[in-house]
Amino acid sequence: MKTWITSDSHFQHSNIIKYCSRPFKDVNEMDETLVSNWNSIVDKNDTVLHLGDFAFVKTREEIRKIVDKLNGHIHLLLGNHDDWKLVKDNGFASTRDGIWEYKYGKEKIVLCHYPMMSWNGAFHNRLHFFGHVHSTPSNIFPCQKNSYDVGVDLNDFRPRLLEEIIDKCRTKTN
């Protein structure tokens, strides 16, 4: 079993294609690509940490249809576009809001939908992973050495192995 991390999938959000210059002709192509990319690497028993802005829908049924298409046990940390009433007890392994202090092996990682200037343990080399800002490879949000934008726009429109992102943070120089 592996642990993956991602953020800002924005399933069913047609305007995100324009807002973030996503390379899709329409929301159907975007959603199909996101699901295909996800399921090509995530197994049924894997863990996925999703740091918010999962989908842009109006009903619980729409959320559940998307969740049911995706492999893994998805733990959702709410973003500004997620509605607690739509996601709570609706196919996610867990749902939470705010800041999540996540332990992975020896690492203690601070997860939040939003990037933070400082966080618990920041000055003791604790990591912080976030979404919200829609960094791209050509426009990376400036952040602390021990933090990283896990959003799909920066990460080939797919979840990334948590270990990979930890290593990336531990070796980056900015």
N, C-alpha and C. Protein backbone atom coordinates (compact mmCIF):
# COMPACT_ATOMS: atom_id res chain seq x y z
N MET A 1 0.84 -1.19 0.00
CA MET A 1 0.00 0.00 0.00
C MET A 1 0.88 1.25 0.00
N LYS A 2 0.48 2.21 -0.79
CA LYS A 2 1.22 3.45 -0.93
C LYS A 2 0.36 4.62 -0.44
N THR A 3 1.03 5.72 -0.15
CA THR A 3 0.33 6.95 0.24
C THR A 3 0.63 8.01 -0.80
N TRP A 4 -0.44 8.60 -1.32
CA TRP A 4 -0.38 9.62 -2.36
C TRP A 4 -0.90 10.94 -1.80
N ILE A 5 -0.55 12.04 -2.45
CA ILE A 5 -1.04 13.35 -2.04
C ILE A 5 -1.35 14.19 -3.28
N THR A 6 -2.40 14.99 -3.18
CA THR A 6 -2.81 15.85 -4.29
C THR A 6 -3.70 16.96 -3.77
N SER A 7 -4.08 17.85 -4.64
CA SER A 7 -4.99 18.95 -4.29
C SER A 7 -5.54 19.58 -5.57
N ASP A 8 -6.64 20.26 -5.41
CA ASP A 8 -7.19 21.13 -6.46
C ASP A 8 -7.53 20.43 -7.76
N SER A 9 -8.14 19.26 -7.66
CA SER A 9 -8.59 18.58 -8.87
C SER A 9 -9.71 19.36 -9.56
N HIS A 10 -10.58 19.96 -8.79
CA HIS A 10 -11.68 20.77 -9.34
C HIS A 10 -12.51 19.98 -10.36
N PHE A 11 -12.84 18.74 -10.03
CA PHE A 11 -13.72 17.97 -10.93
C PHE A 11 -14.99 18.77 -11.22
N GLN A 12 -15.46 18.71 -12.44
CA GLN A 12 -16.70 19.36 -12.91
C GLN A 12 -16.65 20.90 -12.88
N HIS A 13 -15.48 21.48 -12.75
CA HIS A 13 -15.35 22.94 -12.71
C HIS A 13 -14.83 23.43 -14.07
N SER A 14 -15.75 23.73 -14.97
CA SER A 14 -15.35 24.10 -16.33
C SER A 14 -14.51 25.37 -16.38
N ASN A 15 -14.80 26.35 -15.52
CA ASN A 15 -14.06 27.61 -15.57
C ASN A 15 -12.61 27.48 -15.12
N ILE A 16 -12.28 26.43 -14.37
CA ILE A 16 -10.89 26.27 -13.92
C ILE A 16 -9.95 26.06 -15.11
N ILE A 17 -10.49 25.53 -16.20
CA ILE A 17 -9.68 25.34 -17.42
C ILE A 17 -9.18 26.69 -17.91
N LYS A 18 -10.07 27.67 -17.94
CA LYS A 18 -9.71 29.02 -18.38
C LYS A 18 -8.86 29.73 -17.32
N TYR A 19 -9.32 29.68 -16.05
CA TYR A 19 -8.63 30.41 -14.97
C TYR A 19 -7.17 29.99 -14.84
N CYS A 20 -6.91 28.69 -15.01
CA CYS A 20 -5.56 28.16 -14.77
C CYS A 20 -4.86 27.69 -16.04
N SER A 21 -5.43 28.01 -17.18
CA SER A 21 -4.86 27.61 -18.47
C SER A 21 -4.57 26.11 -18.52
N ARG A 22 -5.53 25.32 -18.04
CA ARG A 22 -5.37 23.88 -18.11
C ARG A 22 -5.51 23.42 -19.57
N PRO A 23 -4.74 22.43 -19.98
CA PRO A 23 -4.67 22.04 -21.39
C PRO A 23 -5.78 21.09 -21.83
N PHE A 24 -7.02 21.43 -21.53
CA PHE A 24 -8.15 20.56 -21.88
C PHE A 24 -9.17 21.36 -22.68
N LYS A 25 -9.83 20.69 -23.63
CA LYS A 25 -10.81 21.39 -24.47
C LYS A 25 -12.11 21.66 -23.72
N ASP A 26 -12.44 20.79 -22.74
CA ASP A 26 -13.67 20.97 -21.97
C ASP A 26 -13.59 20.19 -20.66
N VAL A 27 -14.61 20.36 -19.82
CA VAL A 27 -14.60 19.74 -18.50
C VAL A 27 -14.65 18.21 -18.58
N ASN A 28 -15.29 17.67 -19.59
CA ASN A 28 -15.33 16.21 -19.73
C ASN A 28 -13.94 15.64 -19.99
N GLU A 29 -13.20 16.29 -20.89
CA GLU A 29 -11.83 15.83 -21.16
C GLU A 29 -10.96 15.97 -19.90
N MET A 30 -11.12 17.08 -19.18
CA MET A 30 -10.35 17.29 -17.96
C MET A 30 -10.66 16.19 -16.95
N ASP A 31 -11.94 15.96 -16.68
CA ASP A 31 -12.32 14.95 -15.68
C ASP A 31 -11.85 13.56 -16.09
N GLU A 32 -12.02 13.22 -17.36
CA GLU A 32 -11.57 11.90 -17.83
C GLU A 32 -10.06 11.74 -17.66
N THR A 33 -9.31 12.79 -17.95
CA THR A 33 -7.85 12.74 -17.81
C THR A 33 -7.47 12.61 -16.34
N LEU A 34 -8.11 13.41 -15.48
CA LEU A 34 -7.79 13.34 -14.05
C LEU A 34 -8.08 11.96 -13.48
N VAL A 35 -9.23 11.38 -13.84
CA VAL A 35 -9.58 10.04 -13.35
C VAL A 35 -8.61 9.00 -13.90
N SER A 36 -8.31 9.07 -15.19
CA SER A 36 -7.39 8.12 -15.81
C SER A 36 -5.99 8.22 -15.19
N ASN A 37 -5.48 9.44 -15.04
CA ASN A 37 -4.16 9.63 -14.43
C ASN A 37 -4.13 9.07 -13.02
N TRP A 38 -5.16 9.36 -12.25
CA TRP A 38 -5.27 8.91 -10.86
C TRP A 38 -5.26 7.38 -10.82
N ASN A 39 -6.18 6.77 -11.55
CA ASN A 39 -6.34 5.31 -11.47
C ASN A 39 -5.19 4.53 -12.11
N SER A 40 -4.40 5.18 -12.94
CA SER A 40 -3.25 4.49 -13.54
C SER A 40 -2.12 4.28 -12.54
N ILE A 41 -2.14 5.01 -11.42
CA ILE A 41 -1.05 4.88 -10.43
C ILE A 41 -1.54 4.51 -9.04
N VAL A 42 -2.76 4.89 -8.69
CA VAL A 42 -3.29 4.62 -7.36
C VAL A 42 -4.03 3.28 -7.38
N ASP A 43 -3.67 2.39 -6.46
CA ASP A 43 -4.36 1.10 -6.34
C ASP A 43 -5.56 1.23 -5.40
N LYS A 44 -6.44 0.26 -5.45
CA LYS A 44 -7.68 0.28 -4.64
C LYS A 44 -7.41 0.44 -3.15
N ASN A 45 -6.33 -0.16 -2.63
CA ASN A 45 -6.06 -0.12 -1.19
C ASN A 45 -5.08 0.96 -0.77
N ASP A 46 -4.67 1.81 -1.70
CA ASP A 46 -3.76 2.91 -1.36
C ASP A 46 -4.50 4.01 -0.60
N THR A 47 -3.73 4.86 0.03
CA THR A 47 -4.25 6.03 0.73
C THR A 47 -3.98 7.26 -0.12
N VAL A 48 -4.98 8.14 -0.24
CA VAL A 48 -4.80 9.39 -0.97
C VAL A 48 -5.20 10.54 -0.03
N LEU A 49 -4.26 11.46 0.17
CA LEU A 49 -4.52 12.67 0.93
C LEU A 49 -4.85 13.76 -0.08
N HIS A 50 -6.08 14.24 -0.07
CA HIS A 50 -6.50 15.29 -1.01
C HIS A 50 -6.69 16.58 -0.21
N LEU A 51 -5.91 17.62 -0.54
CA LEU A 51 -5.91 18.84 0.25
C LEU A 51 -6.87 19.91 -0.24
N GLY A 52 -8.00 19.47 -0.74
CA GLY A 52 -9.09 20.41 -0.98
C GLY A 52 -9.33 20.81 -2.42
N ASP A 53 -10.51 21.42 -2.59
CA ASP A 53 -11.06 21.77 -3.90
C ASP A 53 -11.15 20.53 -4.78
N PHE A 54 -11.84 19.54 -4.24
CA PHE A 54 -12.03 18.26 -4.90
C PHE A 54 -12.91 18.40 -6.13
N ALA A 55 -14.08 19.01 -5.96
CA ALA A 55 -15.03 19.12 -7.08
C ALA A 55 -15.86 20.39 -6.93
N PHE A 56 -16.43 20.80 -8.02
CA PHE A 56 -17.26 22.01 -8.07
C PHE A 56 -18.65 21.58 -8.52
N VAL A 57 -19.41 21.01 -7.57
CA VAL A 57 -20.73 20.46 -7.86
C VAL A 57 -21.73 20.95 -6.83
N LYS A 58 -23.01 20.62 -7.06
CA LYS A 58 -24.06 21.11 -6.18
C LYS A 58 -24.78 20.03 -5.38
N THR A 59 -24.53 18.74 -5.70
CA THR A 59 -25.26 17.68 -4.99
C THR A 59 -24.32 16.60 -4.45
N ARG A 60 -24.80 15.91 -3.43
CA ARG A 60 -24.06 14.78 -2.86
C ARG A 60 -23.90 13.67 -3.89
N GLU A 61 -24.91 13.51 -4.72
CA GLU A 61 -24.86 12.45 -5.75
C GLU A 61 -23.72 12.70 -6.74
N GLU A 62 -23.53 13.96 -7.12
CA GLU A 62 -22.46 14.28 -8.06
C GLU A 62 -21.08 14.00 -7.44
N ILE A 63 -20.93 14.35 -6.17
CA ILE A 63 -19.67 14.05 -5.47
C ILE A 63 -19.44 12.54 -5.44
N ARG A 64 -20.47 11.81 -5.05
CA ARG A 64 -20.33 10.35 -4.91
C ARG A 64 -19.97 9.67 -6.23
N LYS A 65 -20.53 10.15 -7.34
CA LYS A 65 -20.19 9.58 -8.65
C LYS A 65 -18.70 9.72 -8.94
N ILE A 66 -18.14 10.86 -8.57
CA ILE A 66 -16.71 11.08 -8.81
C ILE A 66 -15.88 10.21 -7.88
N VAL A 67 -16.20 10.22 -6.59
CA VAL A 67 -15.45 9.41 -5.62
C VAL A 67 -15.46 7.94 -6.02
N ASP A 68 -16.60 7.46 -6.47
CA ASP A 68 -16.73 6.05 -6.83
C ASP A 68 -15.88 5.66 -8.04
N LYS A 69 -15.48 6.63 -8.86
CA LYS A 69 -14.64 6.35 -10.03
C LYS A 69 -13.16 6.23 -9.66
N LEU A 70 -12.79 6.73 -8.49
CA LEU A 70 -11.37 6.85 -8.13
C LEU A 70 -10.89 5.73 -7.23
N ASN A 71 -9.70 5.23 -7.50
CA ASN A 71 -9.07 4.22 -6.64
C ASN A 71 -8.57 4.85 -5.35
N GLY A 72 -8.45 4.01 -4.34
CA GLY A 72 -7.84 4.42 -3.08
C GLY A 72 -8.84 4.87 -2.04
N HIS A 73 -8.32 4.98 -0.83
CA HIS A 73 -9.08 5.50 0.31
C HIS A 73 -8.73 6.98 0.41
N ILE A 74 -9.68 7.83 0.05
CA ILE A 74 -9.43 9.27 -0.07
C ILE A 74 -9.77 9.98 1.23
N HIS A 75 -8.77 10.67 1.77
CA HIS A 75 -8.95 11.51 2.95
C HIS A 75 -8.97 12.95 2.47
N LEU A 76 -10.11 13.61 2.63
CA LEU A 76 -10.29 14.97 2.10
C LEU A 76 -10.15 16.01 3.20
N LEU A 77 -9.23 16.94 2.97
CA LEU A 77 -9.09 18.13 3.80
C LEU A 77 -9.76 19.25 3.00
N LEU A 78 -10.81 19.82 3.52
CA LEU A 78 -11.62 20.76 2.75
C LEU A 78 -10.85 21.97 2.25
N GLY A 79 -11.19 22.38 1.02
CA GLY A 79 -10.70 23.61 0.44
C GLY A 79 -11.83 24.62 0.37
N ASN A 80 -11.54 25.78 -0.17
CA ASN A 80 -12.55 26.84 -0.20
C ASN A 80 -13.72 26.54 -1.13
N HIS A 81 -13.58 25.59 -2.06
CA HIS A 81 -14.69 25.23 -2.94
C HIS A 81 -15.42 23.96 -2.50
N ASP A 82 -15.02 23.37 -1.39
CA ASP A 82 -15.68 22.15 -0.91
C ASP A 82 -16.76 22.51 0.10
N ASP A 83 -17.90 21.84 -0.02
CA ASP A 83 -19.03 22.07 0.87
C ASP A 83 -19.15 20.89 1.82
N TRP A 84 -19.01 21.18 3.11
CA TRP A 84 -19.05 20.14 4.15
C TRP A 84 -20.30 19.26 4.01
N LYS A 85 -21.44 19.87 3.71
CA LYS A 85 -22.70 19.11 3.60
C LYS A 85 -22.65 18.12 2.44
N LEU A 86 -21.89 18.42 1.40
CA LEU A 86 -21.81 17.54 0.24
C LEU A 86 -20.80 16.41 0.41
N VAL A 87 -19.73 16.65 1.16
CA VAL A 87 -18.66 15.66 1.24
C VAL A 87 -18.69 14.79 2.48
N LYS A 88 -19.25 15.29 3.58
CA LYS A 88 -19.26 14.53 4.85
C LYS A 88 -19.99 13.21 4.68
N ASP A 89 -19.34 12.11 5.09
CA ASP A 89 -19.93 10.76 5.02
C ASP A 89 -20.45 10.45 3.61
N ASN A 90 -19.65 10.76 2.61
CA ASN A 90 -20.09 10.58 1.23
C ASN A 90 -19.02 9.89 0.38
N GLY A 91 -18.46 8.81 0.90
CA GLY A 91 -17.51 8.02 0.13
C GLY A 91 -16.05 8.27 0.45
N PHE A 92 -15.75 9.33 1.18
CA PHE A 92 -14.38 9.59 1.57
C PHE A 92 -14.03 8.77 2.81
N ALA A 93 -12.77 8.37 2.92
CA ALA A 93 -12.32 7.63 4.10
C ALA A 93 -12.41 8.53 5.33
N SER A 94 -12.16 9.82 5.15
CA SER A 94 -12.34 10.81 6.20
C SER A 94 -12.47 12.18 5.56
N THR A 95 -13.08 13.08 6.28
CA THR A 95 -13.17 14.48 5.86
C THR A 95 -12.82 15.33 7.06
N ARG A 96 -12.08 16.39 6.82
CA ARG A 96 -11.69 17.29 7.91
C ARG A 96 -11.49 18.68 7.34
N ASP A 97 -11.42 19.64 8.23
CA ASP A 97 -11.28 21.03 7.85
C ASP A 97 -10.10 21.63 8.61
N GLY A 98 -9.50 22.66 8.08
CA GLY A 98 -8.45 23.38 8.79
C GLY A 98 -7.06 22.84 8.52
N ILE A 99 -6.32 22.64 9.59
CA ILE A 99 -4.94 22.18 9.52
C ILE A 99 -4.88 20.75 10.02
N TRP A 100 -4.14 19.92 9.32
CA TRP A 100 -4.02 18.51 9.67
C TRP A 100 -2.54 18.20 9.88
N GLU A 101 -2.18 17.82 11.10
CA GLU A 101 -0.81 17.41 11.38
C GLU A 101 -0.74 15.91 11.18
N TYR A 102 -0.08 15.52 10.08
CA TYR A 102 -0.08 14.14 9.60
C TYR A 102 1.27 13.49 9.89
N LYS A 103 1.25 12.31 10.46
CA LYS A 103 2.49 11.58 10.73
C LYS A 103 2.67 10.51 9.67
N TYR A 104 3.85 10.52 9.06
CA TYR A 104 4.19 9.53 8.03
C TYR A 104 5.59 9.03 8.34
N GLY A 105 5.71 7.83 8.87
CA GLY A 105 7.01 7.33 9.32
C GLY A 105 7.54 8.25 10.39
N LYS A 106 8.74 8.76 10.19
CA LYS A 106 9.36 9.69 11.16
C LYS A 106 8.99 11.14 10.89
N GLU A 107 8.32 11.38 9.76
CA GLU A 107 7.96 12.74 9.37
C GLU A 107 6.66 13.18 10.03
N LYS A 108 6.64 14.42 10.48
CA LYS A 108 5.40 15.08 10.91
C LYS A 108 5.18 16.21 9.91
N ILE A 109 4.08 16.10 9.17
CA ILE A 109 3.83 17.02 8.07
C ILE A 109 2.58 17.83 8.37
N VAL A 110 2.65 19.12 8.17
CA VAL A 110 1.50 19.99 8.36
C VAL A 110 0.81 20.16 7.01
N LEU A 111 -0.44 19.69 6.94
CA LEU A 111 -1.23 19.77 5.71
C LEU A 111 -2.30 20.84 5.87
N CYS A 112 -2.50 21.62 4.83
CA CYS A 112 -3.54 22.65 4.83
C CYS A 112 -3.86 22.95 3.37
N HIS A 113 -5.10 23.34 3.11
CA HIS A 113 -5.42 23.72 1.74
C HIS A 113 -4.61 24.94 1.31
N TYR A 114 -4.35 25.82 2.25
CA TYR A 114 -3.68 27.09 1.95
C TYR A 114 -2.20 27.06 2.32
N PRO A 115 -1.37 27.78 1.56
CA PRO A 115 0.04 27.91 1.96
C PRO A 115 0.13 28.81 3.19
N MET A 116 1.08 28.50 4.05
CA MET A 116 1.26 29.28 5.27
C MET A 116 2.69 29.83 5.32
N MET A 117 2.83 30.98 5.93
CA MET A 117 4.15 31.57 6.14
C MET A 117 4.92 30.80 7.22
N SER A 118 4.18 30.33 8.21
CA SER A 118 4.79 29.58 9.30
C SER A 118 3.78 28.55 9.79
N TRP A 119 4.25 27.50 10.41
CA TRP A 119 3.39 26.41 10.90
C TRP A 119 4.10 25.73 12.05
N ASN A 120 3.38 24.92 12.78
CA ASN A 120 3.95 24.19 13.90
C ASN A 120 5.15 23.37 13.44
N GLY A 121 6.31 23.67 13.98
CA GLY A 121 7.52 22.93 13.65
C GLY A 121 8.28 23.46 12.44
N ALA A 122 7.84 24.56 11.86
CA ALA A 122 8.50 25.09 10.66
C ALA A 122 9.98 25.36 10.91
N PHE A 123 10.31 25.84 12.08
CA PHE A 123 11.71 26.17 12.38
C PHE A 123 12.49 24.96 12.87
N HIS A 124 11.82 23.82 12.89
CA HIS A 124 12.48 22.57 13.26
C HIS A 124 12.42 21.60 12.08
N ASN A 125 12.35 22.17 10.88
CA ASN A 125 12.40 21.41 9.63
C ASN A 125 11.17 20.54 9.37
N ARG A 126 10.04 20.86 10.02
CA ARG A 126 8.82 20.13 9.71
C ARG A 126 8.28 20.60 8.36
N LEU A 127 7.74 19.68 7.60
CA LEU A 127 7.25 19.99 6.25
C LEU A 127 5.81 20.51 6.27
N HIS A 128 5.49 21.27 5.23
CA HIS A 128 4.13 21.79 5.04
C HIS A 128 3.75 21.60 3.58
N PHE A 129 2.64 20.89 3.35
CA PHE A 129 2.13 20.68 1.99
C PHE A 129 0.78 21.37 1.87
N PHE A 130 0.53 21.96 0.72
CA PHE A 130 -0.66 22.79 0.51
C PHE A 130 -1.11 22.71 -0.93
N GLY A 131 -2.24 23.36 -1.22
CA GLY A 131 -2.76 23.52 -2.56
C GLY A 131 -3.17 24.97 -2.75
N HIS A 132 -4.34 25.18 -3.31
CA HIS A 132 -5.02 26.46 -3.45
C HIS A 132 -4.43 27.42 -4.49
N VAL A 133 -3.11 27.51 -4.63
CA VAL A 133 -2.51 28.58 -5.43
C VAL A 133 -2.30 28.22 -6.90
N HIS A 134 -2.51 26.97 -7.28
CA HIS A 134 -2.44 26.53 -8.67
C HIS A 134 -1.12 26.89 -9.35
N SER A 135 -0.02 26.56 -8.67
CA SER A 135 1.29 26.71 -9.30
C SER A 135 1.34 25.87 -10.57
N THR A 136 2.16 26.29 -11.50
CA THR A 136 2.44 25.50 -12.70
C THR A 136 3.96 25.37 -12.80
N PRO A 137 4.44 24.45 -13.63
CA PRO A 137 5.90 24.33 -13.77
C PRO A 137 6.59 25.64 -14.18
N SER A 138 5.88 26.50 -14.90
CA SER A 138 6.49 27.77 -15.33
C SER A 138 6.16 28.92 -14.38
N ASN A 139 5.32 28.68 -13.39
CA ASN A 139 4.93 29.75 -12.45
C ASN A 139 4.70 29.13 -11.07
N ILE A 140 5.77 28.85 -10.35
CA ILE A 140 5.68 28.19 -9.05
C ILE A 140 5.50 29.24 -7.96
N PHE A 141 4.50 29.02 -7.12
CA PHE A 141 4.23 29.91 -6.00
C PHE A 141 5.46 29.93 -5.08
N PRO A 142 5.93 31.13 -4.73
CA PRO A 142 7.10 31.19 -3.85
C PRO A 142 6.74 30.70 -2.44
N CYS A 143 7.53 29.77 -1.94
CA CYS A 143 7.21 29.23 -0.62
C CYS A 143 8.49 28.86 0.11
N GLN A 144 8.33 28.49 1.36
CA GLN A 144 9.45 28.12 2.21
C GLN A 144 10.16 26.89 1.66
N LYS A 145 11.40 26.71 2.03
CA LYS A 145 12.19 25.56 1.60
C LYS A 145 11.49 24.25 1.94
N ASN A 146 10.88 24.17 3.09
CA ASN A 146 10.28 22.92 3.55
C ASN A 146 8.76 22.88 3.35
N SER A 147 8.31 23.49 2.23
CA SER A 147 6.89 23.41 1.88
C SER A 147 6.76 23.17 0.38
N TYR A 148 5.55 22.72 -0.03
CA TYR A 148 5.38 22.36 -1.44
C TYR A 148 3.90 22.40 -1.82
N ASP A 149 3.64 22.90 -3.02
CA ASP A 149 2.29 22.93 -3.59
C ASP A 149 2.03 21.57 -4.25
N VAL A 150 1.10 20.80 -3.69
CA VAL A 150 0.79 19.46 -4.21
C VAL A 150 -0.35 19.47 -5.21
N GLY A 151 -0.80 20.65 -5.63
CA GLY A 151 -1.91 20.76 -6.57
C GLY A 151 -1.62 20.10 -7.91
N VAL A 152 -2.68 19.65 -8.57
CA VAL A 152 -2.53 18.92 -9.83
C VAL A 152 -1.89 19.77 -10.93
N ASP A 153 -2.08 21.08 -10.90
CA ASP A 153 -1.55 21.94 -11.96
C ASP A 153 -0.02 21.90 -12.01
N LEU A 154 0.63 21.68 -10.88
CA LEU A 154 2.08 21.60 -10.81
C LEU A 154 2.60 20.17 -10.95
N ASN A 155 1.71 19.20 -10.81
CA ASN A 155 2.13 17.81 -10.68
C ASN A 155 1.54 16.89 -11.75
N ASP A 156 1.58 17.35 -12.99
CA ASP A 156 1.15 16.55 -14.14
C ASP A 156 -0.28 16.04 -14.04
N PHE A 157 -1.13 16.78 -13.36
CA PHE A 157 -2.55 16.45 -13.25
C PHE A 157 -2.77 15.04 -12.69
N ARG A 158 -2.00 14.74 -11.62
CA ARG A 158 -2.12 13.43 -10.97
C ARG A 158 -1.61 13.53 -9.53
N PRO A 159 -2.06 12.60 -8.69
CA PRO A 159 -1.48 12.53 -7.34
C PRO A 159 0.00 12.18 -7.43
N ARG A 160 0.74 12.50 -6.38
CA ARG A 160 2.16 12.16 -6.29
C ARG A 160 2.38 11.32 -5.03
N LEU A 161 3.35 10.43 -5.11
CA LEU A 161 3.70 9.66 -3.92
C LEU A 161 4.14 10.61 -2.82
N LEU A 162 3.64 10.38 -1.62
CA LEU A 162 4.01 11.24 -0.50
C LEU A 162 5.53 11.21 -0.30
N GLU A 163 6.13 10.03 -0.41
CA GLU A 163 7.59 9.91 -0.26
C GLU A 163 8.33 10.78 -1.29
N GLU A 164 7.83 10.82 -2.50
CA GLU A 164 8.45 11.62 -3.56
C GLU A 164 8.43 13.10 -3.21
N ILE A 165 7.31 13.57 -2.69
CA ILE A 165 7.19 14.99 -2.34
C ILE A 165 8.04 15.31 -1.12
N ILE A 166 8.10 14.41 -0.17
CA ILE A 166 8.99 14.60 0.99
C ILE A 166 10.43 14.73 0.51
N ASP A 167 10.88 13.82 -0.36
CA ASP A 167 12.24 13.87 -0.89
C ASP A 167 12.49 15.17 -1.65
N LYS A 168 11.50 15.57 -2.44
CA LYS A 168 11.63 16.81 -3.22
C LYS A 168 11.83 18.00 -2.28
N CYS A 169 11.09 18.04 -1.18
CA CYS A 169 11.22 19.14 -0.22
C CYS A 169 12.55 19.09 0.51
N ARG A 170 12.97 17.91 0.84
CA ARG A 170 14.22 17.75 1.61
C ARG A 170 15.45 18.10 0.77
N THR A 171 15.33 18.07 -0.56
CA THR A 171 16.49 18.33 -1.41
C THR A 171 16.43 19.66 -2.15
N LYS A 172 15.29 20.39 -2.08
CA LYS A 172 15.24 21.66 -2.82
C LYS A 172 16.05 22.72 -2.11
N THR A 173 16.48 23.69 -2.87
CA THR A 173 17.44 24.67 -2.36
C THR A 173 16.87 26.06 -2.11
N ASN A 174 15.64 26.35 -2.53
CA ASN A 174 15.14 27.73 -2.35
C ASN A 174 14.77 28.02 -0.93
